[in-house]
Amino acid sequence: MPSDDKPNTTKAAKLELEKVKKYSTQATLAMELPFTFVGAVAVGGFIGYYLDKWLHTSPWLMVLFGGFGFVAGLLEIARRLAPADSGGNNDKHSA
């Protein structure tokens, strides 16, 4: 019988590593989402602004494309915060 004087810390270390990974992923997501949302609105607004300058329709296209950016930002946040799929695609049903 082998002599194991040291305690089994591999399981505890693995759980601690998973906990750290989970918190770092959540922190990264929390730092990233505001920039994603503001960036989507800004890009839409800039596209609308330059189209307004080109077509002389100020401010309607800027408002419209800013709204599109707002919706795109919300959809991107919802996509990133949605729970991960457990391996299968639930939208397709086998016949």
C-alpha atoms as a PDB file:
ATOM      1  CA  MET A   1       0.000   0.000   0.000  1.00  0.00           C
ATOM      2  CA  PRO A   2       1.520   3.344  -1.004  1.00  0.00           C
ATOM      3  CA  SER A   3       2.171   5.849   1.688  1.00  0.00           C
ATOM      4  CA  ASP A   4       0.398   9.178   1.066  1.00  0.00           C
ATOM      5  CA  ASP A   5       1.467  11.625   3.717  1.00  0.00           C
ATOM      6  CA  LYS A   6       0.276  14.694   1.827  1.00  0.00           C
ATOM      7  CA  PRO A   7      -3.445  15.486   1.687  1.00  0.00           C
ATOM      8  CA  ASN A   8      -5.376  15.265  -1.536  1.00  0.00           C
ATOM      9  CA  THR A   9      -5.387  18.905  -2.615  1.00  0.00           C
ATOM     10  CA  THR A  10      -5.883  18.407  -6.317  1.00  0.00           C
ATOM     11  CA  LYS A  11      -9.664  18.413  -6.011  1.00  0.00           C
ATOM     12  CA  ALA A  12      -9.646  21.520  -3.810  1.00  0.00           C
ATOM     13  CA  ALA A  13      -7.202  23.252  -6.135  1.00  0.00           C
ATOM     14  CA  LYS A  14      -9.358  22.383  -9.135  1.00  0.00           C
ATOM     15  CA  LEU A  15     -12.482  23.799  -7.448  1.00  0.00           C
ATOM     16  CA  GLU A  16     -10.603  26.967  -6.516  1.00  0.00           C
ATOM     17  CA  LEU A  17      -9.333  27.342 -10.084  1.00  0.00           C
ATOM     18  CA  GLU A  18     -12.872  26.942 -11.466  1.00  0.00           C
ATOM     19  CA  LYS A  19     -14.126  29.559  -8.997  1.00  0.00           C
ATOM     20  CA  VAL A  20     -11.419  32.035 -10.032  1.00  0.00           C
ATOM     21  CA  LYS A  21     -12.132  31.368 -13.710  1.00  0.00           C
ATOM     22  CA  LYS A  22     -15.857  31.968 -13.182  1.00  0.00           C
ATOM     23  CA  TYR A  23     -15.315  35.270 -11.375  1.00  0.00           C
ATOM     24  CA  SER A  24     -12.752  36.514 -13.882  1.00  0.00           C
ATOM     25  CA  THR A  25     -15.099  35.690 -16.746  1.00  0.00           C
ATOM     26  CA  GLN A  26     -17.922  37.576 -15.036  1.00  0.00           C
ATOM     27  CA  ALA A  27     -15.684  40.574 -14.339  1.00  0.00           C
ATOM     28  CA  THR A  28     -14.491  40.640 -17.939  1.00  0.00           C
ATOM     29  CA  LEU A  29     -18.062  40.541 -19.193  1.00  0.00           C
ATOM     30  CA  ALA A  30     -19.118  43.317 -16.805  1.00  0.00           C
ATOM     31  CA  MET A  31     -16.284  45.527 -18.062  1.00  0.00           C
ATOM     32  CA  GLU A  32     -16.924  44.732 -21.724  1.00  0.00           C
ATOM     33  CA  LEU A  33     -20.714  45.108 -22.043  1.00  0.00           C
ATOM     34  CA  PRO A  34     -20.957  48.892 -21.511  1.00  0.00           C
ATOM     35  CA  PHE A  35     -18.381  49.480 -24.255  1.00  0.00           C
ATOM     36  CA  THR A  36     -20.242  47.103 -26.549  1.00  0.00           C
ATOM     37  CA  PHE A  37     -23.526  48.925 -26.026  1.00  0.00           C
ATOM     38  CA  VAL A  38     -22.124  52.448 -26.353  1.00  0.00           C
ATOM     39  CA  GLY A  39     -20.057  51.387 -29.369  1.00  0.00           C
ATOM     40  CA  ALA A  40     -23.103  50.033 -31.189  1.00  0.00           C
ATOM     41  CA  VAL A  41     -25.060  53.254 -30.603  1.00  0.00           C
ATOM     42  CA  ALA A  42     -22.063  55.409 -31.594  1.00  0.00           C
ATOM     43  CA  VAL A  43     -21.386  53.481 -34.806  1.00  0.00           C
ATOM     44  CA  GLY A  44     -25.049  53.695 -35.799  1.00  0.00           C
ATOM     45  CA  GLY A  45     -25.131  57.402 -34.977  1.00  0.00           C
ATOM     46  CA  PHE A  46     -21.952  58.122 -36.958  1.00  0.00           C
ATOM     47  CA  ILE A  47     -23.260  56.245 -39.990  1.00  0.00           C
ATOM     48  CA  GLY A  48     -26.500  58.212 -39.788  1.00  0.00           C
ATOM     49  CA  TYR A  49     -24.621  61.502 -39.289  1.00  0.00           C
ATOM     50  CA  TYR A  50     -22.502  61.026 -42.411  1.00  0.00           C
ATOM     51  CA  LEU A  51     -25.504  59.868 -44.443  1.00  0.00           C
ATOM     52  CA  ASP A  52     -27.347  63.009 -43.260  1.00  0.00           C
ATOM     53  CA  LYS A  53     -24.453  65.195 -44.394  1.00  0.00           C
ATOM     54  CA  TRP A  54     -24.331  63.455 -47.751  1.00  0.00           C
ATOM     55  CA  LEU A  55     -28.115  63.406 -48.388  1.00  0.00           C
ATOM     56  CA  HIS A  56     -28.963  66.681 -46.535  1.00  0.00           C
ATOM     57  CA  THR A  57     -31.620  65.006 -44.386  1.00  0.00           C
ATOM     58  CA  SER A  58     -30.384  66.158 -40.989  1.00  0.00           C
ATOM     59  CA  PRO A  59     -31.089  64.782 -38.277  1.00  0.00           C
ATOM     60  CA  TRP A  60     -33.424  61.996 -39.358  1.00  0.00           C
ATOM     61  CA  LEU A  61     -30.963  59.362 -40.490  1.00  0.00           C
ATOM     62  CA  MET A  62     -28.754  59.950 -37.450  1.00  0.00           C
ATOM     63  CA  VAL A  63     -31.741  59.330 -35.175  1.00  0.00           C
ATOM     64  CA  LEU A  64     -32.818  56.302 -37.198  1.00  0.00           C
ATOM     65  CA  PHE A  65     -29.382  54.683 -37.309  1.00  0.00           C
ATOM     66  CA  GLY A  66     -28.759  55.586 -33.665  1.00  0.00           C
ATOM     67  CA  GLY A  67     -31.970  53.698 -32.873  1.00  0.00           C
ATOM     68  CA  PHE A  68     -30.747  50.749 -34.927  1.00  0.00           C
ATOM     69  CA  GLY A  69     -27.491  50.859 -32.960  1.00  0.00           C
ATOM     70  CA  PHE A  70     -29.451  50.940 -29.697  1.00  0.00           C
ATOM     71  CA  VAL A  71     -31.433  47.840 -30.678  1.00  0.00           C
ATOM     72  CA  ALA A  72     -28.278  46.104 -31.923  1.00  0.00           C
ATOM     73  CA  GLY A  73     -26.535  46.877 -28.621  1.00  0.00           C
ATOM     74  CA  LEU A  74     -29.432  45.438 -26.621  1.00  0.00           C
ATOM     75  CA  LEU A  75     -29.508  42.305 -28.770  1.00  0.00           C
ATOM     76  CA  GLU A  76     -25.758  41.830 -28.363  1.00  0.00           C
ATOM     77  CA  ILE A  77     -26.018  42.180 -24.586  1.00  0.00           C
ATOM     78  CA  ALA A  78     -28.896  39.690 -24.512  1.00  0.00           C
ATOM     79  CA  ARG A  79     -26.897  37.269 -26.661  1.00  0.00           C
ATOM     80  CA  ARG A  80     -23.855  37.473 -24.398  1.00  0.00           C
ATOM     81  CA  LEU A  81     -25.854  37.119 -21.188  1.00  0.00           C
ATOM     82  CA  ALA A  82     -27.938  34.198 -22.452  1.00  0.00           C
ATOM     83  CA  PRO A  83     -27.095  30.862 -20.852  1.00  0.00           C
ATOM     84  CA  ALA A  84     -24.723  28.703 -22.859  1.00  0.00           C
ATOM     85  CA  ASP A  85     -26.299  25.971 -24.941  1.00  0.00           C
ATOM     86  CA  SER A  86     -25.727  22.541 -23.424  1.00  0.00           C
ATOM     87  CA  GLY A  87     -24.341  21.030 -26.617  1.00  0.00           C
ATOM     88  CA  GLY A  88     -27.494  20.494 -28.648  1.00  0.00           C
ATOM     89  CA  ASN A  89     -29.446  22.863 -30.833  1.00  0.00           C
ATOM     90  CA  ASN A  90     -32.961  23.051 -29.418  1.00  0.00           C
ATOM     91  CA  ASP A  91     -34.349  24.856 -32.490  1.00  0.00           C
ATOM     92  CA  LYS A  92     -34.040  21.831 -34.762  1.00  0.00           C
ATOM     93  CA  HIS A  93     -36.289  18.859 -34.157  1.00  0.00           C
ATOM     94  CA  SER A  94     -35.376  15.517 -35.670  1.00  0.00           C
ATOM     95  CA  ALA A  95     -38.008  13.898 -37.845  1.00  0.00           C
END
